[in-house]
Amino acid sequence: MVSSMYEITVLPLPDDFEGQVVATLVCRKAQPVEGAASRRAVLYLHGFTDYFFQDHLAEHYVQRGIDFYALDLRKYGRSLLPHQTRGLIRSVTDYFPEIDEAVRIIRSDHDELTINAHSTGGLIAPLWADRVRGRGLVQGLVLNSPFFDLNVPTPLRLAADLLRTPLSYTRRALPLGVSTVYGRTLHRTEQGEWDYDLELKPLRGFSVHAMWLAAIRRAQRRLHAGLAVDVPVLVLASTNGLRVRDFVPEARSADIVLDPRHIARWSTSVGPHVTCVRIADGVHDLVLSAEPARKQVFAEVDRWMAAFIHQGKENSP
């Protein structure tokens, strides 16, 4: 759980189709080295039905002298307002203003910034980075099980693509049903080891609305057509994918949300400099995997950052 070691800043944003909008920037600073504050930073973007609570992720970075920031996007977590529909947007570009503002704040006193993004955040981040290429705002992307494609049978995929019709502009919730399986693999009151706020991240997830799904499919088609992100990118995905309707022990060592083969397939569509690594027995949020898998995740991130971001500079305080 996030502790008092964090600074929290509310970012007011222009109103959208539901009214007032805010985002929330969470920050944990690394200990100064010889009196000098860190000039390196990471910005974390969460996924769908999610918010920042992964304190061990922040700890990993600050122990290496890197300031850690996380953004609770509009209509999620600390940013959800009473009048809003959870997670509802018309386009993934709706998130660009809060990312722009967070990056402006971070870059005002940091020379180096890496975006670490999970799932839906991992789809948003490369689209944002493609828009700002050539400006030097970010030095790299770490994408943890990015939402590059739908993990559904072909008939449902075709049905989702029919949402290019006027239905895509409605706020109608789709009758897709809900599952508690992924939540049960994570939360410590069920089969997992993690503690987080079940009001902000319910076991049953959020409703999927036609407008949201249409926005996601437009973003995925844009990525599939090819982006030109001009910084190094690390894409991380599990070695195992599994579709289940009810909890089974194997769900604790596989991605049961997305198909890792899709992630690997589309990873090179992000840009010309992409490293794709598969994590044995990883769950969907790879840093919430069992300890052997998450240790591999952190080792791969450290190795990649040393090679492509820090470029041989000392990587610890």
Protein backbone atom coordinates (compact mmCIF):
# COMPACT_ATOMS: atom_id res chain seq x y z
CA MET A 1 0.00 0.00 0.00
CA VAL A 2 1.19 3.55 -0.72
CA SER A 3 2.64 5.17 2.41
CA SER A 4 3.28 8.66 3.75
CA MET A 5 6.64 8.67 1.93
CA TYR A 6 4.77 9.90 -1.16
CA GLU A 7 3.84 13.40 -2.26
CA ILE A 8 0.47 13.69 -3.98
CA THR A 9 -0.40 16.47 -6.42
CA VAL A 10 -3.87 16.90 -7.96
CA LEU A 11 -3.71 18.10 -11.56
CA PRO A 12 -6.79 20.12 -12.63
CA LEU A 13 -7.68 19.44 -16.27
CA PRO A 14 -10.14 20.87 -18.80
CA ASP A 15 -13.69 19.54 -18.44
CA ASP A 16 -14.75 16.65 -20.64
CA PHE A 17 -18.18 15.32 -21.69
CA GLU A 18 -18.97 14.37 -18.06
CA GLY A 19 -17.80 17.64 -16.50
CA GLN A 20 -14.93 18.30 -14.10
CA VAL A 21 -11.75 16.26 -14.61
CA VAL A 22 -8.61 15.80 -12.52
CA ALA A 23 -5.60 13.49 -12.54
CA THR A 24 -3.32 12.69 -9.60
CA LEU A 25 0.46 12.63 -9.64
CA VAL A 26 2.07 10.51 -6.91
CA CYS A 27 5.79 10.99 -6.21
CA ARG A 28 8.44 9.25 -4.13
CA LYS A 29 11.91 10.76 -4.25
CA ALA A 30 15.17 8.85 -4.04
CA GLN A 31 17.58 9.71 -1.25
CA PRO A 32 19.98 12.49 -2.35
CA VAL A 33 23.52 11.30 -3.07
CA GLU A 34 26.22 13.57 -1.63
CA GLY A 35 23.58 16.26 -1.19
CA ALA A 36 22.47 16.18 -4.84
CA ALA A 37 18.90 15.27 -5.81
CA SER A 38 18.35 12.70 -8.51
CA ARG A 39 18.24 13.91 -12.12
CA ARG A 40 16.61 10.64 -13.25
CA ALA A 41 12.92 9.79 -13.05
CA VAL A 42 10.36 7.14 -13.97
CA LEU A 43 6.68 7.85 -14.63
CA TYR A 44 4.29 4.91 -14.12
CA LEU A 45 0.98 4.60 -16.02
CA HIS A 46 -1.51 1.99 -14.80
CA GLY A 47 -4.00 -0.19 -16.66
CA PHE A 48 -7.79 -0.61 -16.83
CA THR A 49 -9.57 -1.19 -13.48
CA ASP A 50 -6.40 -0.03 -11.80
CA TYR A 51 -4.50 2.70 -9.95
CA PHE A 52 -1.02 3.01 -8.45
CA PHE A 53 -0.50 0.90 -5.34
CA GLN A 54 2.65 -1.10 -6.20
CA ASP A 55 4.95 0.30 -3.51
CA HIS A 56 7.60 -2.34 -4.24
CA LEU A 57 7.86 -1.02 -7.81
CA ALA A 58 8.61 2.47 -6.52
CA GLU A 59 11.06 1.01 -4.00
CA HIS A 60 12.96 -0.74 -6.77
CA TYR A 61 13.58 2.52 -8.60
CA VAL A 62 14.34 4.77 -5.62
CA GLN A 63 16.89 2.25 -4.33
CA ARG A 64 18.70 2.83 -7.64
CA GLY A 65 18.69 6.59 -7.24
CA ILE A 66 15.74 7.18 -9.59
CA ASP A 67 12.82 9.38 -8.53
CA PHE A 68 9.51 7.57 -8.96
CA TYR A 69 6.26 9.16 -10.16
CA ALA A 70 2.91 7.52 -10.87
CA LEU A 71 -0.13 9.01 -12.54
CA ASP A 72 -3.65 7.99 -11.52
CA LEU A 73 -5.32 8.82 -14.83
CA ARG A 74 -8.66 10.60 -15.05
CA LYS A 75 -11.60 8.57 -13.71
CA TYR A 76 -9.38 6.06 -11.92
CA GLY A 77 -8.17 5.64 -8.37
CA ARG A 78 -7.46 8.90 -6.55
CA SER A 79 -8.69 10.85 -9.60
CA LEU A 80 -12.23 9.42 -9.75
CA LEU A 81 -14.87 12.05 -9.00
CA PRO A 82 -18.44 11.26 -7.87
CA HIS A 83 -20.10 12.32 -11.15
CA GLN A 84 -17.79 10.27 -13.37
CA THR A 85 -18.14 6.86 -15.02
CA ARG A 86 -15.15 4.72 -14.08
CA GLY A 87 -12.53 4.69 -16.82
CA LEU A 88 -14.80 6.15 -19.51
CA ILE A 89 -13.10 8.08 -22.32
CA ARG A 90 -13.92 8.87 -25.95
CA SER A 91 -10.34 8.44 -27.17
CA VAL A 92 -7.05 7.38 -25.60
CA THR A 93 -5.82 10.84 -26.59
CA ASP A 94 -8.05 12.12 -23.77
CA TYR A 95 -5.20 11.06 -21.47
CA PHE A 96 -2.56 13.12 -23.24
CA PRO A 97 -3.18 16.35 -21.26
CA GLU A 98 -2.43 14.72 -17.90
CA ILE A 99 0.62 12.95 -19.30
CA ASP A 100 1.80 16.23 -20.82
CA GLU A 101 1.40 18.02 -17.49
CA ALA A 102 3.04 15.23 -15.49
CA VAL A 103 6.00 15.19 -17.89
CA ARG A 104 6.28 18.99 -17.72
CA ILE A 105 6.46 18.84 -13.93
CA ILE A 106 8.98 16.00 -13.90
CA ARG A 107 11.23 17.41 -16.61
CA SER A 108 11.42 20.78 -14.86
CA ASP A 109 14.08 19.28 -12.57
CA HIS A 110 15.09 15.97 -14.20
CA ASP A 111 17.33 15.35 -17.20
CA GLU A 112 16.20 11.78 -17.84
CA LEU A 113 12.69 10.29 -17.91
CA THR A 114 11.53 6.76 -18.63
CA ILE A 115 7.84 5.87 -18.83
CA ASN A 116 6.92 2.53 -17.26
CA ALA A 117 3.40 1.57 -18.31
CA HIS A 118 1.13 -1.44 -17.75
CA SER A 119 -1.65 -2.92 -19.92
CA THR A 120 -3.93 -0.09 -21.14
CA GLY A 121 -1.24 2.33 -19.98
CA GLY A 122 1.10 0.34 -22.19
CA LEU A 123 -1.11 1.14 -25.19
CA ILE A 124 -1.46 4.82 -24.29
CA ALA A 125 2.25 5.42 -23.67
CA PRO A 126 3.59 4.57 -27.17
CA LEU A 127 0.81 6.59 -28.84
CA TRP A 128 1.75 9.56 -26.65
CA ALA A 129 5.47 9.03 -27.28
CA ASP A 130 4.85 8.85 -31.03
CA ARG A 131 3.11 12.23 -30.86
CA VAL A 132 6.02 13.92 -29.06
CA ARG A 133 8.88 12.23 -30.93
CA GLY A 134 11.82 14.46 -31.69
CA ARG A 135 11.25 16.65 -28.62
CA GLY A 136 13.47 14.75 -26.19
CA LEU A 137 10.81 14.64 -23.47
CA VAL A 138 11.28 10.96 -22.72
CA GLN A 139 14.34 8.72 -23.04
CA GLY A 140 12.67 5.29 -23.06
CA LEU A 141 9.52 3.20 -22.55
CA VAL A 142 9.07 0.07 -20.40
CA LEU A 143 5.81 -1.63 -21.37
CA ASN A 144 4.52 -4.28 -18.96
CA SER A 145 1.99 -6.58 -20.72
CA PRO A 146 0.78 -3.75 -22.99
CA PHE A 147 -2.80 -3.91 -24.33
CA PHE A 148 -1.82 -4.25 -27.98
CA ASP A 149 -4.79 -6.45 -28.97
CA LEU A 150 -8.02 -7.97 -27.69
CA ASN A 151 -7.79 -11.45 -26.20
CA VAL A 152 -11.17 -12.67 -27.44
CA PRO A 153 -12.42 -15.18 -30.03
CA THR A 154 -12.62 -13.94 -33.62
CA PRO A 155 -16.43 -13.38 -33.63
CA LEU A 156 -16.16 -11.05 -30.62
CA ARG A 157 -13.20 -9.27 -32.21
CA LEU A 158 -15.27 -8.64 -35.35
CA ALA A 159 -18.18 -7.44 -33.21
CA ALA A 160 -15.87 -5.00 -31.40
CA ASP A 161 -14.75 -3.57 -34.73
CA LEU A 162 -18.39 -2.88 -35.64
CA LEU A 163 -18.22 -0.20 -32.95
CA ARG A 164 -17.09 2.24 -35.63
CA THR A 165 -20.83 2.90 -35.93
CA PRO A 166 -22.75 5.52 -33.90
CA LEU A 167 -22.91 2.95 -31.07
CA SER A 168 -19.29 3.85 -30.35
CA TYR A 169 -20.38 7.29 -29.14
CA THR A 170 -22.83 5.98 -26.56
CA ARG A 171 -22.13 5.43 -22.88
CA ARG A 172 -23.91 2.06 -22.98
CA ALA A 173 -22.34 -0.71 -20.89
CA LEU A 174 -21.80 -3.85 -22.94
CA PRO A 175 -23.32 -7.17 -21.72
CA LEU A 176 -19.95 -8.93 -21.58
CA GLY A 177 -20.21 -10.32 -18.07
CA VAL A 178 -17.53 -9.98 -15.42
CA SER A 179 -15.01 -12.32 -13.84
CA THR A 180 -13.29 -12.25 -10.48
CA VAL A 181 -10.55 -14.68 -11.49
CA TYR A 182 -7.75 -12.17 -12.10
CA GLY A 183 -8.59 -10.23 -8.95
CA ARG A 184 -8.58 -13.47 -6.96
CA THR A 185 -5.05 -14.26 -8.16
CA LEU A 186 -3.83 -10.92 -6.79
CA HIS A 187 -5.58 -9.84 -3.60
CA ARG A 188 -4.38 -11.20 -0.28
CA THR A 189 -7.93 -11.90 0.92
CA GLU A 190 -8.25 -14.41 -1.93
CA GLN A 191 -5.44 -16.39 -3.60
CA GLY A 192 -2.87 -13.59 -3.93
CA GLU A 193 -0.30 -11.73 -1.82
CA TRP A 194 -1.12 -8.08 -2.54
CA ASP A 195 -3.09 -5.53 -0.57
CA TYR A 196 -4.94 -2.74 -2.35
CA ASP A 197 -8.22 -0.83 -2.13
CA LEU A 198 -11.01 -3.02 -3.50
CA GLU A 199 -13.18 0.05 -4.00
CA LEU A 200 -10.61 1.53 -6.38
CA LYS A 201 -9.67 -1.81 -7.98
CA PRO A 202 -12.65 -4.16 -7.56
CA LEU A 203 -12.23 -7.91 -7.91
CA ARG A 204 -14.94 -7.85 -10.59
CA GLY A 205 -13.33 -5.01 -12.52
CA PHE A 206 -15.18 -2.14 -14.22
CA SER A 207 -18.01 -2.33 -16.71
CA VAL A 208 -16.89 -2.17 -20.34
CA HIS A 209 -18.70 0.58 -22.25
CA ALA A 210 -19.14 0.76 -26.02
CA MET A 211 -17.44 4.16 -26.13
CA TRP A 212 -14.37 2.89 -24.25
CA LEU A 213 -14.02 -0.28 -26.33
CA ALA A 214 -14.31 1.68 -29.59
CA ALA A 215 -11.58 4.05 -28.36
CA ILE A 216 -9.31 1.12 -27.50
CA ARG A 217 -9.83 -0.53 -30.90
CA ARG A 218 -9.02 2.73 -32.72
CA ALA A 219 -5.82 3.01 -30.70
CA GLN A 220 -4.88 -0.60 -31.39
CA ARG A 221 -5.45 -0.20 -35.12
CA ARG A 222 -3.25 2.89 -35.04
CA LEU A 223 -0.48 0.93 -33.36
CA HIS A 224 -0.90 -2.05 -35.71
CA ALA A 225 -0.41 0.30 -38.67
CA GLY A 226 2.99 1.20 -37.21
CA LEU A 227 4.30 3.94 -34.95
CA ALA A 228 7.70 5.64 -35.10
CA VAL A 229 8.60 6.02 -31.42
CA ASP A 230 12.17 7.34 -31.50
CA VAL A 231 13.45 6.09 -28.14
CA PRO A 232 14.38 2.58 -26.95
CA VAL A 233 11.43 0.44 -25.88
CA LEU A 234 11.34 -2.62 -23.62
CA VAL A 235 8.25 -4.81 -24.01
CA LEU A 236 7.67 -7.42 -21.30
CA ALA A 237 5.13 -10.24 -21.57
CA SER A 238 4.51 -13.57 -19.88
CA THR A 239 5.57 -16.83 -21.50
CA ASN A 240 2.12 -18.24 -20.70
CA GLY A 241 -1.38 -17.21 -21.70
CA LEU A 242 -4.49 -18.84 -20.29
CA ARG A 243 -8.23 -18.37 -20.78
CA VAL A 244 -10.27 -19.42 -17.77
CA ARG A 245 -13.80 -18.74 -16.55
CA ASP A 246 -13.18 -19.93 -12.98
CA PHE A 247 -10.17 -19.87 -10.73
CA VAL A 248 -7.56 -22.59 -11.21
CA PRO A 249 -4.09 -22.70 -9.62
CA GLU A 250 -2.48 -22.20 -13.06
CA ALA A 251 -3.99 -18.70 -13.16
CA ARG A 252 -1.30 -17.59 -10.71
CA SER A 253 1.46 -18.22 -13.27
CA ALA A 254 -0.04 -16.99 -16.57
CA ASP A 255 -1.50 -13.91 -18.21
CA ILE A 256 -5.25 -14.56 -18.07
CA VAL A 257 -6.16 -11.08 -19.37
CA LEU A 258 -4.18 -10.74 -22.61
CA ASP A 259 -2.54 -13.17 -25.02
CA PRO A 260 1.26 -12.79 -24.72
CA ARG A 261 1.63 -13.94 -28.34
CA HIS A 262 -0.29 -10.85 -29.45
CA ILE A 263 2.00 -8.65 -27.36
CA ALA A 264 5.12 -10.18 -28.90
CA ARG A 265 3.66 -9.97 -32.41
CA TRP A 266 2.81 -6.28 -32.25
CA SER A 267 5.81 -5.14 -30.19
CA THR A 268 7.86 -4.19 -33.26
CA SER A 269 5.04 -1.93 -34.44
CA VAL A 270 5.98 0.56 -31.72
CA GLY A 271 9.20 1.76 -33.31
CA PRO A 272 12.57 0.75 -34.73
CA HIS A 273 14.35 0.04 -31.42
CA VAL A 274 12.34 -2.53 -29.45
CA THR A 275 13.49 -5.28 -27.07
CA CYS A 276 10.87 -7.95 -26.28
CA VAL A 277 11.40 -10.21 -23.27
CA ARG A 278 9.14 -13.06 -22.13
CA ILE A 279 8.84 -13.68 -18.38
CA ALA A 280 8.41 -17.28 -17.23
CA ASP A 281 5.26 -17.77 -15.13
CA GLY A 282 4.37 -14.08 -15.16
CA VAL A 283 0.82 -12.89 -14.46
CA HIS A 284 -0.79 -10.02 -16.34
CA ASP A 285 0.76 -7.29 -14.20
CA LEU A 286 4.22 -8.80 -14.25
CA VAL A 287 5.44 -6.97 -11.15
CA LEU A 288 2.61 -8.66 -9.20
CA SER A 289 3.81 -12.14 -10.21
CA ALA A 290 5.23 -14.65 -7.73
CA GLU A 291 8.69 -13.69 -6.52
CA PRO A 292 10.81 -15.66 -9.04
CA ALA A 293 9.00 -14.08 -11.98
CA ARG A 294 9.01 -10.54 -10.61
CA LYS A 295 12.72 -10.85 -9.79
CA GLN A 296 13.27 -11.65 -13.46
CA VAL A 297 11.17 -8.62 -14.42
CA PHE A 298 13.26 -6.26 -12.31
CA ALA A 299 16.52 -7.82 -13.50
CA GLU A 300 15.48 -7.37 -17.14
CA VAL A 301 14.47 -3.76 -16.54
CA ASP A 302 17.76 -3.00 -14.79
CA ARG A 303 19.79 -4.61 -17.59
CA TRP A 304 17.87 -2.77 -20.30
CA MET A 305 18.05 0.61 -18.55
CA ALA A 306 21.80 0.23 -17.99
CA ALA A 307 22.30 -0.54 -21.67
CA PHE A 308 19.95 1.91 -23.34
CA ILE A 309 18.94 4.65 -20.89
CA HIS A 310 21.86 5.24 -18.56
CA GLN A 311 24.33 4.26 -21.31
CA GLY A 312 26.95 2.85 -19.01
CA LYS A 313 26.55 5.44 -16.25
CA GLU A 314 26.53 4.30 -12.66
CA ASN A 315 23.07 2.87 -11.93
CA SER A 316 22.96 3.05 -8.16
CA PRO A 317 23.27 5.74 -5.52
